[in-house]
Amino acid sequence: MKSAIAAAAAAALTLFLPGLAQGSGSSRPLATAPSQPAPTGDVRISFDWAMTFDCGGPPMPFAVTEWPGALHGVLGLNRDRSYSIDLNYQAFLGTAWTLRWDGRLGGRPVQMRGGAAELRVAGPHSLRAIVHEPNNDVIINVDADQSNCRLAVDSRLHPGKTEHTFYSGLPEDEDRFYHCSGIRTVAASCQAQ
């Protein structure tokens, strides 16, 4: 099974990284707010997701419908399958925050404020970043070849949950989440370099 996963990872990266050499190592145990420039790597993928939310309840002082939000992400992926991802969120009442995590493609989820995150191979030319929140997983699928890049983002509720949770992103709000009944994609795009 492990060899099948490794083969899928190598196949997905071969498009971007000719002569891929598989490496070993471990990821940093905790994702933090970045104190360095955006990720770089042998492959760099940037992506943008515009969405609207329907949210209410704490920490929101009032319910909102069709509230706009945006996410800009940058993935830096290296030949040894190590990576860094920055996710820059802009959402409620002008709040903005960035989360960064470093890991190894196909490795264990990295613990971070508000949950955990990981990067997986989703197909021959596809990668999937997953941000695990208490009630849902935000799934970011990037499908790229040498001439096109397609992005799909989905927030999937965990069984038995009825509201999406989104980390507030502010350090003083370490355990606070926005609770949203609906989230809709307005636009999604990506670019591989």
Foldseek 3Di string as FASTA:
>chain_A
DVVVQVVLVCLQCCQQDPPQDAADDWWDQEKDFDPDDADAESKKKKKKWKKFFFFDDPPDPGTDGRWIKMWIKMWHAYSNQKIKMKIWIAGDPGDIAIIMTIGGEVDDWHHYQQATWHKYRDGSNKIWIWGDHPFWIWIWIWGDGPPAIDIDIDTGGDPPDQWGWADSRDPVPRPGTITTRDMGTPDMGMDMD
